[in-house]
Structure formats: C-alpha cells, structure tokens
Amino acid sequence: RGLLGSEAYATAPVYPLAKTVASLTLD
C-alpha cells in the first residue's frame, strides 16, 4: 500500500536511526 508499515516505523523508530547500522531487506 506504499511502504506504509516501514514508514510508520521510520517516523516513530523504536531504535534510534542514527545508531541503526544498516537496513537489510528481502523482497
């Protein structure tokens, strides 16, 4: 529906994005 779940996480991250080392995705 437009990457909305990951967008919701990115707007309210549980873990600081500044200390998120990398994002590894399987699709």
PDB file of all heavy atoms in Angstrom:
ATOM      1  N   ARG A   1       0.824  -1.217   0.000  1.00  0.00           N
ATOM      2  CA  ARG A   1       0.000   0.000   0.000  1.00  0.00           C
ATOM      3  C   ARG A   1       0.856   1.264   0.000  1.00  0.00           C
ATOM      4  O   ARG A   1       0.359   2.356   0.232  1.00  0.00           O
ATOM      5  CB  ARG A   1      -0.939   0.019   1.210  1.00  0.00           C
ATOM      6  CG  ARG A   1      -2.214  -0.805   1.001  1.00  0.00           C
ATOM      7  CD  ARG A   1      -1.967  -2.281   1.068  1.00  0.00           C
ATOM      8  NE  ARG A   1      -3.179  -3.051   0.813  1.00  0.00           N
ATOM      9  CZ  ARG A   1      -3.198  -4.368   0.648  1.00  0.00           C
ATOM     10  NH1 ARG A   1      -2.075  -5.057   0.698  1.00  0.00           N
ATOM     11  NH2 ARG A   1      -4.335  -4.990   0.416  1.00  0.00           N
ATOM     12  N   GLY A   2       2.160   1.107  -0.244  1.00  0.00           N
ATOM     13  CA  GLY A   2       3.029   2.277  -0.324  1.00  0.00           C
ATOM     14  C   GLY A   2       4.104   2.333   0.745  1.00  0.00           C
ATOM     15  O   GLY A   2       4.446   3.425   1.214  1.00  0.00           O
ATOM     16  N   LEU A   3       4.634   1.166   1.158  1.00  0.00           N
ATOM     17  CA  LEU A   3       5.707   1.091   2.161  1.00  0.00           C
ATOM     18  C   LEU A   3       5.271   1.686   3.496  1.00  0.00           C
ATOM     19  O   LEU A   3       6.090   2.224   4.253  1.00  0.00           O
ATOM     20  CB  LEU A   3       6.979   1.804   1.670  1.00  0.00           C
ATOM     21  CG  LEU A   3       7.425   1.575   0.218  1.00  0.00           C
ATOM     22  CD1 LEU A   3       8.752   2.294  -0.051  1.00  0.00           C
ATOM     23  CD2 LEU A   3       7.554   0.092  -0.098  1.00  0.00           C
ATOM     24  N   LEU A   4       4.001   1.562   3.828  1.00  0.00           N
ATOM     25  CA  LEU A   4       3.464   2.316   4.962  1.00  0.00           C
ATOM     26  C   LEU A   4       3.878   1.763   6.316  1.00  0.00           C
ATOM     27  O   LEU A   4       4.057   2.516   7.276  1.00  0.00           O
ATOM     28  CB  LEU A   4       1.943   2.395   4.862  1.00  0.00           C
ATOM     29  CG  LEU A   4       1.420   3.190   3.665  1.00  0.00           C
ATOM     30  CD1 LEU A   4      -0.105   3.198   3.658  1.00  0.00           C
ATOM     31  CD2 LEU A   4       1.953   4.616   3.677  1.00  0.00           C
ATOM     32  N   GLY A   5       4.030   0.441   6.435  1.00  0.00           N
ATOM     33  CA  GLY A   5       4.461  -0.115   7.714  1.00  0.00           C
ATOM     34  C   GLY A   5       5.865   0.318   8.072  1.00  0.00           C
ATOM     35  O   GLY A   5       6.137   0.754   9.198  1.00  0.00           O
ATOM     36  N   SER A   6       6.770   0.207   7.118  1.00  0.00           N
ATOM     37  CA  SER A   6       8.146   0.647   7.377  1.00  0.00           C
ATOM     38  C   SER A   6       8.218   2.157   7.545  1.00  0.00           C
ATOM     39  O   SER A   6       9.022   2.674   8.335  1.00  0.00           O
ATOM     40  CB  SER A   6       9.074   0.188   6.247  1.00  0.00           C
ATOM     41  OG  SER A   6       8.617   0.647   4.987  1.00  0.00           O
ATOM     42  N   GLU A   7       7.366   2.891   6.835  1.00  0.00           N
ATOM     43  CA  GLU A   7       7.315   4.336   7.004  1.00  0.00           C
ATOM     44  C   GLU A   7       6.834   4.696   8.419  1.00  0.00           C
ATOM     45  O   GLU A   7       7.369   5.633   9.046  1.00  0.00           O
ATOM     46  CB  GLU A   7       6.385   4.962   5.968  1.00  0.00           C
ATOM     47  CG  GLU A   7       6.210   6.469   6.066  1.00  0.00           C
ATOM     48  CD  GLU A   7       7.460   7.261   5.718  1.00  0.00           C
ATOM     49  OE1 GLU A   7       8.408   6.682   5.147  1.00  0.00           O
ATOM     50  OE2 GLU A   7       7.501   8.460   6.045  1.00  0.00           O
ATOM     51  N   ALA A   8       5.858   3.960   8.928  1.00  0.00           N
ATOM     52  CA  ALA A   8       5.384   4.202  10.294  1.00  0.00           C
ATOM     53  C   ALA A   8       6.506   3.975  11.289  1.00  0.00           C
ATOM     54  O   ALA A   8       6.675   4.747  12.244  1.00  0.00           O
ATOM     55  CB  ALA A   8       4.194   3.296  10.604  1.00  0.00           C
ATOM     56  N   TYR A   9       7.282   2.906  11.067  1.00  0.00           N
ATOM     57  CA  TYR A   9       8.418   2.657  11.966  1.00  0.00           C
ATOM     58  C   TYR A   9       9.442   3.786  11.850  1.00  0.00           C
ATOM     59  O   TYR A   9       9.961   4.271  12.865  1.00  0.00           O
ATOM     60  CB  TYR A   9       9.098   1.322  11.636  1.00  0.00           C
ATOM     61  CG  TYR A   9      10.336   1.102  12.486  1.00  0.00           C
ATOM     62  CD1 TYR A   9      10.224   0.527  13.734  1.00  0.00           C
ATOM     63  CD2 TYR A   9      11.589   1.528  12.039  1.00  0.00           C
ATOM     64  CE1 TYR A   9      11.349   0.368  14.545  1.00  0.00           C
ATOM     65  CE2 TYR A   9      12.711   1.379  12.837  1.00  0.00           C
ATOM     66  CZ  TYR A   9      12.588   0.798  14.086  1.00  0.00           C
ATOM     67  OH  TYR A   9      13.690   0.662  14.888  1.00  0.00           O
ATOM     68  N   ALA A  10       9.738   4.209  10.637  1.00  0.00           N
ATOM     69  CA  ALA A  10      10.768   5.233  10.436  1.00  0.00           C
ATOM     70  C   ALA A  10      10.372   6.570  11.031  1.00  0.00           C
ATOM     71  O   ALA A  10      11.234   7.350  11.450  1.00  0.00           O
ATOM     72  CB  ALA A  10      11.068   5.383   8.943  1.00  0.00           C
ATOM     73  N   THR A  11       9.077   6.852  11.087  1.00  0.00           N
ATOM     74  CA  THR A  11       8.623   8.109  11.690  1.00  0.00           C
ATOM     75  C   THR A  11       8.568   8.024  13.212  1.00  0.00           C
ATOM     76  O   THR A  11       8.614   9.052  13.892  1.00  0.00           O
ATOM     77  CB  THR A  11       7.238   8.518  11.160  1.00  0.00           C
ATOM     78  OG1 THR A  11       6.295   7.479  11.424  1.00  0.00           O
ATOM     79  CG2 THR A  11       7.290   8.777   9.656  1.00  0.00           C
ATOM     80  N   ALA A  12       8.460   6.809  13.746  1.00  0.00           N
ATOM     81  CA  ALA A  12       8.455   6.607  15.196  1.00  0.00           C
ATOM     82  C   ALA A  12       9.328   5.398  15.523  1.00  0.00           C
ATOM     83  O   ALA A  12       8.841   4.350  15.981  1.00  0.00           O
ATOM     84  CB  ALA A  12       7.027   6.388  15.707  1.00  0.00           C
ATOM     85  N   PRO A  13      10.635   5.506  15.283  1.00  0.00           N
ATOM     86  CA  PRO A  13      11.513   4.337  15.422  1.00  0.00           C
ATOM     87  C   PRO A  13      11.648   3.885  16.874  1.00  0.00           C
ATOM     88  O   PRO A  13      11.757   4.713  17.786  1.00  0.00           O
ATOM     89  CB  PRO A  13      12.850   4.827  14.860  1.00  0.00           C
ATOM     90  CG  PRO A  13      12.822   6.313  15.025  1.00  0.00           C
ATOM     91  CD  PRO A  13      11.375   6.704  14.845  1.00  0.00           C
ATOM     92  N   VAL A  14      11.647   2.595  17.073  1.00  0.00           N
ATOM     93  CA  VAL A  14      11.871   2.038  18.406  1.00  0.00           C
ATOM     94  C   VAL A  14      13.346   2.174  18.780  1.00  0.00           C
ATOM     95  O   VAL A  14      13.683   2.360  19.949  1.00  0.00           O
ATOM     96  CB  VAL A  14      11.437   0.560  18.440  1.00  0.00           C
ATOM     97  CG1 VAL A  14      11.657  -0.045  19.828  1.00  0.00           C
ATOM     98  CG2 VAL A  14       9.969   0.426  18.039  1.00  0.00           C
ATOM     99  N   TYR A  15      14.215   2.108  17.777  1.00  0.00           N
ATOM    100  CA  TYR A  15      15.658   2.216  17.971  1.00  0.00           C
ATOM    101  C   TYR A  15      16.159   3.417  17.165  1.00  0.00           C
ATOM    102  O   TYR A  15      15.760   3.593  16.012  1.00  0.00           O
ATOM    103  CB  TYR A  15      16.350   0.930  17.522  1.00  0.00           C
ATOM    104  CG  TYR A  15      15.699  -0.287  18.119  1.00  0.00           C
ATOM    105  CD1 TYR A  15      14.716  -0.994  17.406  1.00  0.00           C
ATOM    106  CD2 TYR A  15      16.002  -0.697  19.414  1.00  0.00           C
ATOM    107  CE1 TYR A  15      14.073  -2.088  17.975  1.00  0.00           C
ATOM    108  CE2 TYR A  15      15.366  -1.791  19.991  1.00  0.00           C
ATOM    109  CZ  TYR A  15      14.406  -2.482  19.265  1.00  0.00           C
ATOM    110  OH  TYR A  15      13.762  -3.547  19.839  1.00  0.00           O
ATOM    111  N   PRO A  16      17.018   4.257  17.750  1.00  0.00           N
ATOM    112  CA  PRO A  16      17.433   5.477  17.052  1.00  0.00           C
ATOM    113  C   PRO A  16      18.017   5.190  15.676  1.00  0.00           C
ATOM    114  O   PRO A  16      18.896   4.327  15.534  1.00  0.00           O
ATOM    115  CB  PRO A  16      18.491   6.065  17.995  1.00  0.00           C
ATOM    116  CG  PRO A  16      18.167   5.511  19.340  1.00  0.00           C
ATOM    117  CD  PRO A  16      17.630   4.130  19.093  1.00  0.00           C
ATOM    118  N   LEU A  17      17.535   5.905  14.673  1.00  0.00           N
ATOM    119  CA  LEU A  17      18.024   5.683  13.316  1.00  0.00           C
ATOM    120  C   LEU A  17      19.488   6.081  13.183  1.00  0.00           C
ATOM    121  O   LEU A  17      20.218   5.509  12.366  1.00  0.00           O
ATOM    122  CB  LEU A  17      17.161   6.450  12.321  1.00  0.00           C
ATOM    123  CG  LEU A  17      15.683   6.043  12.276  1.00  0.00           C
ATOM    124  CD1 LEU A  17      14.952   6.828  11.199  1.00  0.00           C
ATOM    125  CD2 LEU A  17      15.515   4.547  12.050  1.00  0.00           C
ATOM    126  N   ALA A  18      19.928   7.029  13.971  1.00  0.00           N
ATOM    127  CA  ALA A  18      21.328   7.440  13.909  1.00  0.00           C
ATOM    128  C   ALA A  18      22.263   6.304  14.290  1.00  0.00           C
ATOM    129  O   ALA A  18      23.413   6.252  13.836  1.00  0.00           O
ATOM    130  CB  ALA A  18      21.570   8.638  14.826  1.00  0.00           C
ATOM    131  N   LYS A  19      21.769   5.363  15.122  1.00  0.00           N
ATOM    132  CA  LYS A  19      22.583   4.227  15.537  1.00  0.00           C
ATOM    133  C   LYS A  19      22.092   2.916  14.930  1.00  0.00           C
ATOM    134  O   LYS A  19      22.455   1.837  15.400  1.00  0.00           O
ATOM    135  CB  LYS A  19      22.614   4.142  17.065  1.00  0.00           C
ATOM    136  CG  LYS A  19      23.428   5.264  17.697  1.00  0.00           C
ATOM    137  CD  LYS A  19      23.704   4.995  19.157  1.00  0.00           C
ATOM    138  CE  LYS A  19      24.644   6.058  19.726  1.00  0.00           C
ATOM    139  NZ  LYS A  19      24.987   5.790  21.140  1.00  0.00           N
ATOM    140  N   THR A  20      21.256   3.025  13.909  1.00  0.00           N
ATOM    141  CA  THR A  20      20.891   1.845  13.123  1.00  0.00           C
ATOM    142  C   THR A  20      21.968   1.671  12.062  1.00  0.00           C
ATOM    143  O   THR A  20      22.137   2.527  11.194  1.00  0.00           O
ATOM    144  CB  THR A  20      19.501   2.000  12.492  1.00  0.00           C
ATOM    145  OG1 THR A  20      18.539   2.177  13.546  1.00  0.00           O
ATOM    146  CG2 THR A  20      19.130   0.768  11.685  1.00  0.00           C
ATOM    147  N   VAL A  21      22.711   0.599  12.162  1.00  0.00           N
ATOM    148  CA  VAL A  21      23.923   0.396  11.362  1.00  0.00           C
ATOM    149  C   VAL A  21      23.592   0.254   9.886  1.00  0.00           C
ATOM    150  O   VAL A  21      24.241   0.854   9.022  1.00  0.00           O
ATOM    151  CB  VAL A  21      24.678  -0.854  11.868  1.00  0.00           C
ATOM    152  CG1 VAL A  21      25.944  -1.093  11.050  1.00  0.00           C
ATOM    153  CG2 VAL A  21      25.004  -0.712  13.351  1.00  0.00           C
ATOM    154  N   ALA A  22      22.564  -0.529   9.590  1.00  0.00           N
ATOM    155  CA  ALA A  22      22.169  -0.787   8.203  1.00  0.00           C
ATOM    156  C   ALA A  22      20.785  -1.391   8.193  1.00  0.00           C
ATOM    157  O   ALA A  22      20.304  -1.922   9.202  1.00  0.00           O
ATOM    158  CB  ALA A  22      23.160  -1.725   7.515  1.00  0.00           C
ATOM    159  N   SER A  23      20.145  -1.325   7.042  1.00  0.00           N
ATOM    160  CA  SER A  23      18.832  -1.930   6.819  1.00  0.00           C
ATOM    161  C   SER A  23      18.979  -2.955   5.703  1.00  0.00           C
ATOM    162  O   SER A  23      19.285  -2.598   4.561  1.00  0.00           O
ATOM    163  CB  SER A  23      17.818  -0.851   6.436  1.00  0.00           C
ATOM    164  OG  SER A  23      16.607  -1.418   5.980  1.00  0.00           O
ATOM    165  N   LEU A  24      18.784  -4.228   6.029  1.00  0.00           N
ATOM    166  CA  LEU A  24      18.972  -5.330   5.082  1.00  0.00           C
ATOM    167  C   LEU A  24      17.612  -5.957   4.789  1.00  0.00           C
ATOM    168  O   LEU A  24      16.976  -6.506   5.689  1.00  0.00           O
ATOM    169  CB  LEU A  24      19.929  -6.373   5.658  1.00  0.00           C
ATOM    170  CG  LEU A  24      21.258  -5.826   6.204  1.00  0.00           C
ATOM    171  CD1 LEU A  24      22.079  -6.948   6.832  1.00  0.00           C
ATOM    172  CD2 LEU A  24      22.054  -5.140   5.110  1.00  0.00           C
ATOM    173  N   THR A  25      17.161  -5.868   3.543  1.00  0.00           N
ATOM    174  CA  THR A  25      15.784  -6.217   3.197  1.00  0.00           C
ATOM    175  C   THR A  25      15.720  -7.346   2.175  1.00  0.00           C
ATOM    176  O   THR A  25      16.459  -7.343   1.182  1.00  0.00           O
ATOM    177  CB  THR A  25      15.055  -4.980   2.641  1.00  0.00           C
ATOM    178  OG1 THR A  25      14.951  -3.999   3.674  1.00  0.00           O
ATOM    179  CG2 THR A  25      13.657  -5.324   2.145  1.00  0.00           C
ATOM    180  N   LEU A  26      14.801  -8.279   2.409  1.00  0.00           N
ATOM    181  CA  LEU A  26      14.492  -9.351   1.467  1.00  0.00           C
ATOM    182  C   LEU A  26      13.082  -9.114   0.919  1.00  0.00           C
ATOM    183  O   LEU A  26      12.127  -9.087   1.683  1.00  0.00           O
ATOM    184  CB  LEU A  26      14.543 -10.720   2.148  1.00  0.00           C
ATOM    185  CG  LEU A  26      15.851 -11.145   2.814  1.00  0.00           C
ATOM    186  CD1 LEU A  26      15.680 -12.507   3.475  1.00  0.00           C
ATOM    187  CD2 LEU A  26      16.982 -11.184   1.816  1.00  0.00           C
ATOM    188  N   ASP A  27      12.970  -8.948  -0.388  1.00  0.00           N
ATOM    189  CA  ASP A  27      11.656  -8.721  -1.000  1.00  0.00           C
ATOM    190  C   ASP A  27      11.644  -9.371  -2.375  1.00  0.00           C
ATOM    191  O   ASP A  27      12.092  -8.786  -3.357  1.00  0.00           O
ATOM    192  CB  ASP A  27      11.371  -7.221  -1.113  1.00  0.00           C
ATOM    193  CG  ASP A  27       9.919  -6.930  -1.446  1.00  0.00           C
ATOM    194  OD1 ASP A  27       9.176  -7.884  -1.748  1.00  0.00           O
ATOM    195  OD2 ASP A  27       9.520  -5.754  -1.404  1.00  0.00           O
TER     196      ASP A  27
END
